[in-house]
Amino acid sequence: MAAMFKALESTDLRGFLGCPSVLYEQELEQFFDTAFVRENEVISAVQGKLFGVSEEQFASVFELPMAGLIDMTEVPKDFVYDARSIFSKSGEPVKTSCKKREMKFEFRLLNDILAKSVTVKAGSFDAVTHERFLLMTAIHFGLKINWSKILFAIFKNMVTKSSKQAKGFAAQVCVLLKSAPNLTLGEAKTFPPMKILTVQIVGTYVAKNKNLAADEVEPAEPNSKKAAPKRRPTPADESATKNKRTTVGRAAPEEKDLAMVSVAQNVEPLYDSSGNSC
């Protein structure tokens, strides 16, 4: 888990994913209601004032790299081949379009972070798309990614009426609005603690997925042998049973699963297709 967060951080996404989790709901609604794209700039009317964001401004505010991969089909094929086994829960190579449950826990979480906070996908998150698999591969192997170009393209699609791109980037849009010198924003609301990806949330995620994985194990074949007659337990048997008592419930996350606290603490809240946090 720690290695996954380190790989994600090394792609220079901290400024974007770790931006302040503050919402200005009224201004955010005005932004998406009026936003459009003109000459590679996102323009909107907030508080009756025009507000524009260029790709250069977008990259500067979130400290995004402006060089590297843009087309994920350019990820080296040998990396993709290796990732199919590295990401696999069973060790057998998975397809580049697969079910999330076929992957290890840390890569399931990486898939969810990318789907909810980067590409902003609507609908079910049970499937890993080919494009997202390639993006995960690029991150895992430390390839340079032009996040400025990729994220700004998604941002433009969000405000394009004919696009099917789900709306998101709520916290990031609020950061952009706050940086505008001609705007005085209203009341700010912070995300509830349970809506922010923290070390505790990661622990819960890991434990939940471990429980789901246990549920997926096929039950053992029923024993056809005749059951032996039950006998009344002796005091010695009862004592032994008490000594063998176990705890039943959610699996506790291992310490190594929670090691990358510094990255997990301030990561952006995860959003659904309406721009609300999940």
C-alpha atoms as a PDB file:
ATOM      1  CA  MET A   1       0.000   0.000   0.000  1.00  0.00           C
ATOM      2  CA  ALA A   2       2.819   2.407   0.911  1.00  0.00           C
ATOM      3  CA  ALA A   3       4.587   1.711  -2.391  1.00  0.00           C
ATOM      4  CA  MET A   4       1.399   2.519  -4.315  1.00  0.00           C
ATOM      5  CA  PHE A   5       1.000   5.897  -2.595  1.00  0.00           C
ATOM      6  CA  LYS A   6       4.684   6.697  -3.131  1.00  0.00           C
ATOM      7  CA  ALA A   7       4.346   5.893  -6.837  1.00  0.00           C
ATOM      8  CA  LEU A   8       1.256   8.112  -7.073  1.00  0.00           C
ATOM      9  CA  GLU A   9       3.005  10.957  -5.254  1.00  0.00           C
ATOM     10  CA  SER A  10       6.076  10.677  -7.500  1.00  0.00           C
ATOM     11  CA  THR A  11       3.949  11.637 -10.529  1.00  0.00           C
ATOM     12  CA  ASP A  12       3.556  15.178  -9.073  1.00  0.00           C
ATOM     13  CA  LEU A  13      -0.171  14.956  -8.340  1.00  0.00           C
ATOM     14  CA  ARG A  14       0.120  16.096  -4.712  1.00  0.00           C
ATOM     15  CA  GLY A  15      -0.799  19.710  -5.493  1.00  0.00           C
ATOM     16  CA  PHE A  16      -3.946  18.557  -7.301  1.00  0.00           C
ATOM     17  CA  LEU A  17      -5.144  15.709  -5.072  1.00  0.00           C
ATOM     18  CA  GLY A  18      -3.964  17.363  -1.867  1.00  0.00           C
ATOM     19  CA  CYS A  19      -5.585  20.764  -2.402  1.00  0.00           C
ATOM     20  CA  PRO A  20      -7.710  22.223   0.451  1.00  0.00           C
ATOM     21  CA  SER A  21     -10.987  20.342   0.899  1.00  0.00           C
ATOM     22  CA  VAL A  22     -13.181  23.452   1.070  1.00  0.00           C
ATOM     23  CA  LEU A  23     -16.390  24.129  -0.864  1.00  0.00           C
ATOM     24  CA  TYR A  24     -18.032  27.404  -1.839  1.00  0.00           C
ATOM     25  CA  GLU A  25     -21.317  25.840  -2.909  1.00  0.00           C
ATOM     26  CA  GLN A  26     -23.078  28.890  -4.350  1.00  0.00           C
ATOM     27  CA  GLU A  27     -20.094  29.997  -6.435  1.00  0.00           C
ATOM     28  CA  LEU A  28     -19.391  26.408  -7.523  1.00  0.00           C
ATOM     29  CA  GLU A  29     -22.946  26.064  -8.811  1.00  0.00           C
ATOM     30  CA  GLN A  30     -22.682  29.380 -10.681  1.00  0.00           C
ATOM     31  CA  PHE A  31     -19.416  28.258 -12.233  1.00  0.00           C
ATOM     32  CA  PHE A  32     -20.783  25.034 -13.738  1.00  0.00           C
ATOM     33  CA  ASP A  33     -24.074  26.661 -14.770  1.00  0.00           C
ATOM     34  CA  THR A  34     -22.321  29.280 -16.908  1.00  0.00           C
ATOM     35  CA  ALA A  35     -18.958  27.752 -17.881  1.00  0.00           C
ATOM     36  CA  PHE A  36     -17.881  27.186 -21.492  1.00  0.00           C
ATOM     37  CA  VAL A  37     -14.666  26.727 -23.478  1.00  0.00           C
ATOM     38  CA  ARG A  38     -13.216  29.384 -25.763  1.00  0.00           C
ATOM     39  CA  GLU A  39      -9.770  29.199 -27.379  1.00  0.00           C
ATOM     40  CA  ASN A  40      -8.459  26.576 -24.937  1.00  0.00           C
ATOM     41  CA  GLU A  41      -9.660  28.573 -21.931  1.00  0.00           C
ATOM     42  CA  VAL A  42     -12.463  27.722 -19.509  1.00  0.00           C
ATOM     43  CA  ILE A  43     -14.609  30.819 -18.966  1.00  0.00           C
ATOM     44  CA  SER A  44     -17.461  31.301 -16.519  1.00  0.00           C
ATOM     45  CA  ALA A  45     -19.555  34.053 -14.929  1.00  0.00           C
ATOM     46  CA  VAL A  46     -19.425  34.050 -11.134  1.00  0.00           C
ATOM     47  CA  GLN A  47     -21.065  36.831  -9.098  1.00  0.00           C
ATOM     48  CA  GLY A  48     -21.751  38.553 -12.391  1.00  0.00           C
ATOM     49  CA  LYS A  49     -18.028  38.723 -13.195  1.00  0.00           C
ATOM     50  CA  LEU A  50     -16.178  36.851 -15.930  1.00  0.00           C
ATOM     51  CA  PHE A  51     -13.696  34.303 -14.671  1.00  0.00           C
ATOM     52  CA  GLY A  52     -11.272  32.466 -16.959  1.00  0.00           C
ATOM     53  CA  VAL A  53      -8.733  29.670 -16.507  1.00  0.00           C
ATOM     54  CA  SER A  54      -6.071  28.773 -19.068  1.00  0.00           C
ATOM     55  CA  GLU A  55      -4.098  25.531 -19.096  1.00  0.00           C
ATOM     56  CA  GLU A  56      -1.009  27.428 -17.921  1.00  0.00           C
ATOM     57  CA  GLN A  57      -2.902  28.894 -14.936  1.00  0.00           C
ATOM     58  CA  PHE A  58      -4.384  25.495 -14.143  1.00  0.00           C
ATOM     59  CA  ALA A  59      -0.928  23.889 -14.147  1.00  0.00           C
ATOM     60  CA  SER A  60       0.578  26.701 -12.074  1.00  0.00           C
ATOM     61  CA  VAL A  61      -2.051  26.639  -9.314  1.00  0.00           C
ATOM     62  CA  PHE A  62      -1.777  22.860  -8.811  1.00  0.00           C
ATOM     63  CA  GLU A  63       1.951  22.577  -9.653  1.00  0.00           C
ATOM     64  CA  LEU A  64       1.297  20.067 -12.415  1.00  0.00           C
ATOM     65  CA  PRO A  65       3.983  18.833 -14.834  1.00  0.00           C
ATOM     66  CA  MET A  66       3.562  20.075 -18.406  1.00  0.00           C
ATOM     67  CA  ALA A  67       5.725  17.409 -20.046  1.00  0.00           C
ATOM     68  CA  GLY A  68       5.426  13.644 -20.380  1.00  0.00           C
ATOM     69  CA  LEU A  69       2.899  11.099 -21.621  1.00  0.00           C
ATOM     70  CA  ILE A  70      -0.459  12.320 -22.884  1.00  0.00           C
ATOM     71  CA  ASP A  71      -1.601   9.270 -24.851  1.00  0.00           C
ATOM     72  CA  MET A  72      -1.572   6.210 -22.583  1.00  0.00           C
ATOM     73  CA  THR A  73      -1.299   3.880 -25.586  1.00  0.00           C
ATOM     74  CA  GLU A  74       2.348   4.963 -25.635  1.00  0.00           C
ATOM     75  CA  VAL A  75       3.041   3.134 -22.360  1.00  0.00           C
ATOM     76  CA  PRO A  76       5.711   0.507 -23.237  1.00  0.00           C
ATOM     77  CA  LYS A  77       4.159  -2.883 -23.947  1.00  0.00           C
ATOM     78  CA  ASP A  78       6.646  -4.713 -21.719  1.00  0.00           C
ATOM     79  CA  PHE A  79       5.499  -2.579 -18.768  1.00  0.00           C
ATOM     80  CA  VAL A  80       1.882  -3.431 -19.541  1.00  0.00           C
ATOM     81  CA  TYR A  81       2.769  -7.130 -19.772  1.00  0.00           C
ATOM     82  CA  ASP A  82       4.504  -7.059 -16.371  1.00  0.00           C
ATOM     83  CA  ALA A  83       1.693  -5.029 -14.780  1.00  0.00           C
ATOM     84  CA  ARG A  84      -0.839  -7.720 -15.670  1.00  0.00           C
ATOM     85  CA  SER A  85       0.894 -10.037 -13.173  1.00  0.00           C
ATOM     86  CA  ILE A  86       1.976  -7.367 -10.665  1.00  0.00           C
ATOM     87  CA  PHE A  87      -1.573  -6.041 -10.249  1.00  0.00           C
ATOM     88  CA  SER A  88      -3.111  -9.525 -10.110  1.00  0.00           C
ATOM     89  CA  LYS A  89      -4.407 -10.845  -6.810  1.00  0.00           C
ATOM     90  CA  SER A  90      -3.914 -14.480  -7.841  1.00  0.00           C
ATOM     91  CA  GLY A  91      -0.576 -13.992  -9.600  1.00  0.00           C
ATOM     92  CA  GLU A  92      -2.078 -15.072 -12.906  1.00  0.00           C
ATOM     93  CA  PRO A  93      -1.963 -12.276 -15.528  1.00  0.00           C
ATOM     94  CA  VAL A  94      -5.190 -10.272 -15.644  1.00  0.00           C
ATOM     95  CA  LYS A  95      -6.576  -8.656 -18.770  1.00  0.00           C
ATOM     96  CA  THR A  96      -6.066  -4.925 -19.238  1.00  0.00           C
ATOM     97  CA  SER A  97      -9.856  -4.646 -18.974  1.00  0.00           C
ATOM     98  CA  CYS A  98     -10.777  -6.638 -15.890  1.00  0.00           C
ATOM     99  CA  LYS A  99     -12.874  -6.802 -12.761  1.00  0.00           C
ATOM    100  CA  LYS A 100     -11.499  -4.807  -9.854  1.00  0.00           C
ATOM    101  CA  ARG A 101     -11.773  -7.812  -7.527  1.00  0.00           C
ATOM    102  CA  GLU A 102      -9.124  -9.588  -9.624  1.00  0.00           C
ATOM    103  CA  MET A 103      -6.490  -7.091  -8.462  1.00  0.00           C
ATOM    104  CA  LYS A 104      -4.565  -6.649  -5.208  1.00  0.00           C
ATOM    105  CA  PHE A 105      -6.081  -4.302  -2.641  1.00  0.00           C
ATOM    106  CA  GLU A 106      -3.650  -1.423  -3.211  1.00  0.00           C
ATOM    107  CA  PHE A 107      -4.363  -1.400  -6.951  1.00  0.00           C
ATOM    108  CA  ARG A 108      -8.113  -1.546  -6.333  1.00  0.00           C
ATOM    109  CA  LEU A 109      -7.688   1.622  -4.274  1.00  0.00           C
ATOM    110  CA  LEU A 110      -5.515   3.244  -6.953  1.00  0.00           C
ATOM    111  CA  ASN A 111      -8.204   2.435  -9.521  1.00  0.00           C
ATOM    112  CA  ASP A 112     -10.854   4.092  -7.332  1.00  0.00           C
ATOM    113  CA  ILE A 113      -8.746   7.210  -6.730  1.00  0.00           C
ATOM    114  CA  LEU A 114      -8.183   7.645 -10.462  1.00  0.00           C
ATOM    115  CA  ALA A 115     -11.811   6.892 -11.373  1.00  0.00           C
ATOM    116  CA  LYS A 116     -13.326   9.252  -8.797  1.00  0.00           C
ATOM    117  CA  SER A 117     -10.794  12.063  -8.472  1.00  0.00           C
ATOM    118  CA  VAL A 118      -8.855  12.160 -11.760  1.00  0.00           C
ATOM    119  CA  THR A 119     -10.847  10.849 -14.735  1.00  0.00           C
ATOM    120  CA  VAL A 120     -14.147  11.405 -12.827  1.00  0.00           C
ATOM    121  CA  LYS A 121     -16.083   8.396 -14.045  1.00  0.00           C
ATOM    122  CA  ALA A 122     -19.835   8.048 -13.541  1.00  0.00           C
ATOM    123  CA  GLY A 123     -21.511   4.764 -12.682  1.00  0.00           C
ATOM    124  CA  SER A 124     -20.089   1.526 -11.313  1.00  0.00           C
ATOM    125  CA  PHE A 125     -16.446   1.234 -10.248  1.00  0.00           C
ATOM    126  CA  ASP A 126     -16.349  -2.571 -10.328  1.00  0.00           C
ATOM    127  CA  ALA A 127     -14.639  -2.698 -13.730  1.00  0.00           C
ATOM    128  CA  VAL A 128     -11.150  -1.478 -14.623  1.00  0.00           C
ATOM    129  CA  THR A 129     -11.070   0.063 -18.093  1.00  0.00           C
ATOM    130  CA  HIS A 130      -8.205  -0.498 -20.518  1.00  0.00           C
ATOM    131  CA  GLU A 131      -7.297   3.203 -20.460  1.00  0.00           C
ATOM    132  CA  ARG A 132      -7.229   3.321 -16.659  1.00  0.00           C
ATOM    133  CA  PHE A 133      -5.143   0.143 -16.524  1.00  0.00           C
ATOM    134  CA  LEU A 134      -2.575   1.822 -18.776  1.00  0.00           C
ATOM    135  CA  LEU A 135      -2.600   4.924 -16.559  1.00  0.00           C
ATOM    136  CA  MET A 136      -2.073   2.749 -13.472  1.00  0.00           C
ATOM    137  CA  THR A 137       0.819   1.046 -15.262  1.00  0.00           C
ATOM    138  CA  ALA A 138       2.442   4.395 -16.076  1.00  0.00           C
ATOM    139  CA  ILE A 139       2.114   5.468 -12.431  1.00  0.00           C
ATOM    140  CA  HIS A 140       3.449   2.170 -11.066  1.00  0.00           C
ATOM    141  CA  PHE A 141       6.556   2.268 -13.256  1.00  0.00           C
ATOM    142  CA  GLY A 142       7.239   5.955 -12.597  1.00  0.00           C
ATOM    143  CA  LEU A 143       6.726   7.238 -16.136  1.00  0.00           C
ATOM    144  CA  LYS A 144       6.498  11.000 -16.645  1.00  0.00           C
ATOM    145  CA  ILE A 145       2.888  12.043 -17.220  1.00  0.00           C
ATOM    146  CA  ASN A 146       1.698  15.366 -18.613  1.00  0.00           C
ATOM    147  CA  TRP A 147      -0.954  15.852 -15.947  1.00  0.00           C
ATOM    148  CA  SER A 148      -1.503  19.455 -17.003  1.00  0.00           C
ATOM    149  CA  LYS A 149      -2.667  18.441 -20.476  1.00  0.00           C
ATOM    150  CA  ILE A 150      -4.658  15.399 -19.302  1.00  0.00           C
ATOM    151  CA  LEU A 151      -6.480  17.048 -16.397  1.00  0.00           C
ATOM    152  CA  PHE A 152      -7.208  20.292 -18.238  1.00  0.00           C
ATOM    153  CA  ALA A 153      -8.708  18.291 -21.121  1.00  0.00           C
ATOM    154  CA  ILE A 154     -11.010  16.533 -18.625  1.00  0.00           C
ATOM    155  CA  PHE A 155     -11.836  19.919 -17.073  1.00  0.00           C
ATOM    156  CA  LYS A 156     -12.817  21.332 -20.470  1.00  0.00           C
ATOM    157  CA  ASN A 157     -15.027  18.326 -21.170  1.00  0.00           C
ATOM    158  CA  MET A 158     -16.831  18.902 -17.866  1.00  0.00           C
ATOM    159  CA  VAL A 159     -18.064  22.300 -19.061  1.00  0.00           C
ATOM    160  CA  THR A 160     -18.808  21.232 -22.643  1.00  0.00           C
ATOM    161  CA  LYS A 161     -22.567  20.741 -22.945  1.00  0.00           C
ATOM    162  CA  SER A 162     -22.335  18.022 -25.611  1.00  0.00           C
ATOM    163  CA  SER A 163     -19.791  15.997 -23.626  1.00  0.00           C
ATOM    164  CA  LYS A 164     -20.732  12.933 -21.568  1.00  0.00           C
ATOM    165  CA  GLN A 165     -17.939  13.681 -19.107  1.00  0.00           C
ATOM    166  CA  ALA A 166     -19.194  13.621 -15.508  1.00  0.00           C
ATOM    167  CA  LYS A 167     -18.685  16.796 -13.498  1.00  0.00           C
ATOM    168  CA  GLY A 168     -16.196  16.817 -10.646  1.00  0.00           C
ATOM    169  CA  PHE A 169     -13.028  18.635  -9.487  1.00  0.00           C
ATOM    170  CA  ALA A 170     -15.218  20.475  -6.955  1.00  0.00           C
ATOM    171  CA  ALA A 171     -12.415  21.210  -4.481  1.00  0.00           C
ATOM    172  CA  GLN A 172     -10.058  22.211  -7.307  1.00  0.00           C
ATOM    173  CA  VAL A 173     -12.585  24.591  -8.887  1.00  0.00           C
ATOM    174  CA  CYS A 174     -13.036  26.251  -5.493  1.00  0.00           C
ATOM    175  CA  VAL A 175      -9.266  26.708  -5.213  1.00  0.00           C
ATOM    176  CA  LEU A 176      -9.267  28.352  -8.656  1.00  0.00           C
ATOM    177  CA  LEU A 177     -12.161  30.620  -7.680  1.00  0.00           C
ATOM    178  CA  LYS A 178     -10.405  31.627  -4.462  1.00  0.00           C
ATOM    179  CA  SER A 179      -7.305  32.594  -6.462  1.00  0.00           C
ATOM    180  CA  ALA A 180      -9.301  35.107  -8.549  1.00  0.00           C
ATOM    181  CA  PRO A 181      -8.522  38.649  -7.296  1.00  0.00           C
ATOM    182  CA  ASN A 182     -11.882  40.077  -8.428  1.00  0.00           C
ATOM    183  CA  LEU A 183     -14.044  37.579  -6.503  1.00  0.00           C
ATOM    184  CA  THR A 184     -15.124  37.693  -2.865  1.00  0.00           C
ATOM    185  CA  LEU A 185     -16.384  34.238  -2.021  1.00  0.00           C
ATOM    186  CA  GLY A 186     -19.199  33.474   0.387  1.00  0.00           C
ATOM    187  CA  GLU A 187     -19.456  30.931   3.171  1.00  0.00           C
ATOM    188  CA  ALA A 188     -16.984  28.074   2.976  1.00  0.00           C
ATOM    189  CA  LYS A 189     -17.883  24.522   3.941  1.00  0.00           C
ATOM    190  CA  THR A 190     -15.385  21.805   4.736  1.00  0.00           C
ATOM    191  CA  PHE A 191     -15.850  18.176   3.816  1.00  0.00           C
ATOM    192  CA  PRO A 192     -16.874  15.825   6.642  1.00  0.00           C
ATOM    193  CA  PRO A 193     -13.894  13.766   7.914  1.00  0.00           C
ATOM    194  CA  MET A 194     -15.394  10.551   6.513  1.00  0.00           C
ATOM    195  CA  LYS A 195     -15.388  12.072   3.016  1.00  0.00           C
ATOM    196  CA  ILE A 196     -11.617  12.634   2.952  1.00  0.00           C
ATOM    197  CA  LEU A 197      -9.117   9.885   2.147  1.00  0.00           C
ATOM    198  CA  THR A 198      -7.191   9.457   5.406  1.00  0.00           C
ATOM    199  CA  VAL A 199      -5.167   6.662   6.952  1.00  0.00           C
ATOM    200  CA  GLN A 200      -8.298   5.505   8.811  1.00  0.00           C
ATOM    201  CA  ILE A 201     -10.337   5.423   5.597  1.00  0.00           C
ATOM    202  CA  VAL A 202      -7.585   3.431   3.881  1.00  0.00           C
ATOM    203  CA  GLY A 203      -7.624   0.958   6.767  1.00  0.00           C
ATOM    204  CA  THR A 204     -11.388   0.557   6.484  1.00  0.00           C
ATOM    205  CA  TYR A 205     -11.092   0.131   2.702  1.00  0.00           C
ATOM    206  CA  VAL A 206      -8.487  -2.627   3.087  1.00  0.00           C
ATOM    207  CA  ALA A 207     -10.466  -4.422   5.799  1.00  0.00           C
ATOM    208  CA  LYS A 208     -13.695  -4.237   3.788  1.00  0.00           C
ATOM    209  CA  ASN A 209     -12.023  -5.637   0.682  1.00  0.00           C
ATOM    210  CA  LYS A 210     -10.433  -8.442   2.691  1.00  0.00           C
ATOM    211  CA  ASN A 211     -13.873  -9.389   4.001  1.00  0.00           C
ATOM    212  CA  LEU A 212     -15.315  -9.282   0.480  1.00  0.00           C
ATOM    213  CA  ALA A 213     -12.452 -11.456  -0.734  1.00  0.00           C
ATOM    214  CA  ALA A 214     -13.200 -13.983   2.006  1.00  0.00           C
ATOM    215  CA  ASP A 215     -16.855 -14.055   0.947  1.00  0.00           C
ATOM    216  CA  GLU A 216     -15.791 -14.854  -2.620  1.00  0.00           C
ATOM    217  CA  VAL A 217     -14.038 -18.080  -1.535  1.00  0.00           C
ATOM    218  CA  GLU A 218     -16.099 -21.092  -2.600  1.00  0.00           C
ATOM    219  CA  PRO A 219     -17.535 -23.148   0.277  1.00  0.00           C
ATOM    220  CA  ALA A 220     -16.000 -26.559   0.952  1.00  0.00           C
ATOM    221  CA  GLU A 221     -17.694 -29.687  -0.360  1.00  0.00           C
ATOM    222  CA  PRO A 222     -20.241 -31.011   2.154  1.00  0.00           C
ATOM    223  CA  ASN A 223     -19.022 -34.033   4.119  1.00  0.00           C
ATOM    224  CA  SER A 224     -21.034 -37.095   3.133  1.00  0.00           C
ATOM    225  CA  LYS A 225     -19.879 -39.113   6.146  1.00  0.00           C
ATOM    226  CA  LYS A 226     -22.386 -39.707   8.910  1.00  0.00           C
ATOM    227  CA  ALA A 227     -21.866 -37.271  11.741  1.00  0.00           C
ATOM    228  CA  ALA A 228     -20.629 -38.773  14.992  1.00  0.00           C
ATOM    229  CA  PRO A 229     -23.084 -38.591  17.897  1.00  0.00           C
ATOM    230  CA  LYS A 230     -22.597 -35.569  20.129  1.00  0.00           C
ATOM    231  CA  ARG A 231     -21.386 -36.153  23.671  1.00  0.00           C
ATOM    232  CA  ARG A 232     -21.761 -33.945  26.692  1.00  0.00           C
ATOM    233  CA  PRO A 233     -18.589 -31.856  27.095  1.00  0.00           C
ATOM    234  CA  THR A 234     -16.518 -32.479  30.197  1.00  0.00           C
ATOM    235  CA  PRO A 235     -15.226 -29.575  32.337  1.00  0.00           C
ATOM    236  CA  ALA A 236     -11.795 -30.047  30.710  1.00  0.00           C
ATOM    237  CA  ASP A 237     -13.356 -29.672  27.226  1.00  0.00           C
ATOM    238  CA  GLU A 238     -15.144 -26.461  28.255  1.00  0.00           C
ATOM    239  CA  SER A 239     -11.894 -24.996  29.594  1.00  0.00           C
ATOM    240  CA  ALA A 240     -10.070 -25.782  26.346  1.00  0.00           C
ATOM    241  CA  THR A 241     -12.871 -24.189  24.314  1.00  0.00           C
ATOM    242  CA  LYS A 242     -12.649 -20.977  26.327  1.00  0.00           C
ATOM    243  CA  ASN A 243      -8.883 -20.817  25.777  1.00  0.00           C
ATOM    244  CA  LYS A 244      -9.392 -21.098  22.004  1.00  0.00           C
ATOM    245  CA  ARG A 245     -11.858 -18.192  21.822  1.00  0.00           C
ATOM    246  CA  THR A 246     -11.287 -16.015  18.745  1.00  0.00           C
ATOM    247  CA  THR A 247     -12.457 -12.582  17.658  1.00  0.00           C
ATOM    248  CA  VAL A 248     -15.040 -12.486  14.885  1.00  0.00           C
ATOM    249  CA  GLY A 249     -15.588  -9.355  12.801  1.00  0.00           C
ATOM    250  CA  ARG A 250     -13.821  -6.977  10.419  1.00  0.00           C
ATOM    251  CA  ALA A 251     -10.229  -7.893   9.646  1.00  0.00           C
ATOM    252  CA  ALA A 252      -7.800  -5.414  11.170  1.00  0.00           C
ATOM    253  CA  PRO A 253      -5.635  -3.624   8.608  1.00  0.00           C
ATOM    254  CA  GLU A 254      -1.968  -4.478   8.787  1.00  0.00           C
ATOM    255  CA  GLU A 255       0.484  -1.740   9.762  1.00  0.00           C
ATOM    256  CA  LYS A 256       2.219  -1.926   6.399  1.00  0.00           C
ATOM    257  CA  ASP A 257      -1.095  -1.135   4.673  1.00  0.00           C
ATOM    258  CA  LEU A 258      -1.226   2.221   6.490  1.00  0.00           C
ATOM    259  CA  ALA A 259       2.428   3.232   6.210  1.00  0.00           C
ATOM    260  CA  MET A 260       2.083   6.111   3.730  1.00  0.00           C
ATOM    261  CA  VAL A 261       0.293   8.463   6.117  1.00  0.00           C
ATOM    262  CA  SER A 262       1.822  11.679   4.781  1.00  0.00           C
ATOM    263  CA  VAL A 263       0.311  11.125   1.345  1.00  0.00           C
ATOM    264  CA  ALA A 264      -3.036   9.763   2.494  1.00  0.00           C
ATOM    265  CA  GLN A 265      -3.833  12.513   4.993  1.00  0.00           C
ATOM    266  CA  ASN A 266      -4.577  15.386   2.628  1.00  0.00           C
ATOM    267  CA  VAL A 267      -5.752  13.640  -0.513  1.00  0.00           C
ATOM    268  CA  GLU A 268      -8.775  15.170  -2.239  1.00  0.00           C
ATOM    269  CA  PRO A 269     -12.241  13.885  -1.309  1.00  0.00           C
ATOM    270  CA  LEU A 270     -13.632  11.338  -3.746  1.00  0.00           C
ATOM    271  CA  TYR A 271     -16.473  12.637  -5.911  1.00  0.00           C
ATOM    272  CA  ASP A 272     -19.448  11.055  -7.598  1.00  0.00           C
ATOM    273  CA  SER A 273     -20.767  11.985 -11.010  1.00  0.00           C
ATOM    274  CA  SER A 274     -22.665  15.009  -9.709  1.00  0.00           C
ATOM    275  CA  GLY A 275     -19.587  16.588  -8.191  1.00  0.00           C
ATOM    276  CA  ASN A 276     -20.615  15.628  -4.668  1.00  0.00           C
ATOM    277  CA  SER A 277     -18.210  13.777  -2.433  1.00  0.00           C
ATOM    278  CA  CYS A 278     -18.694  10.054  -2.093  1.00  0.00           C
END
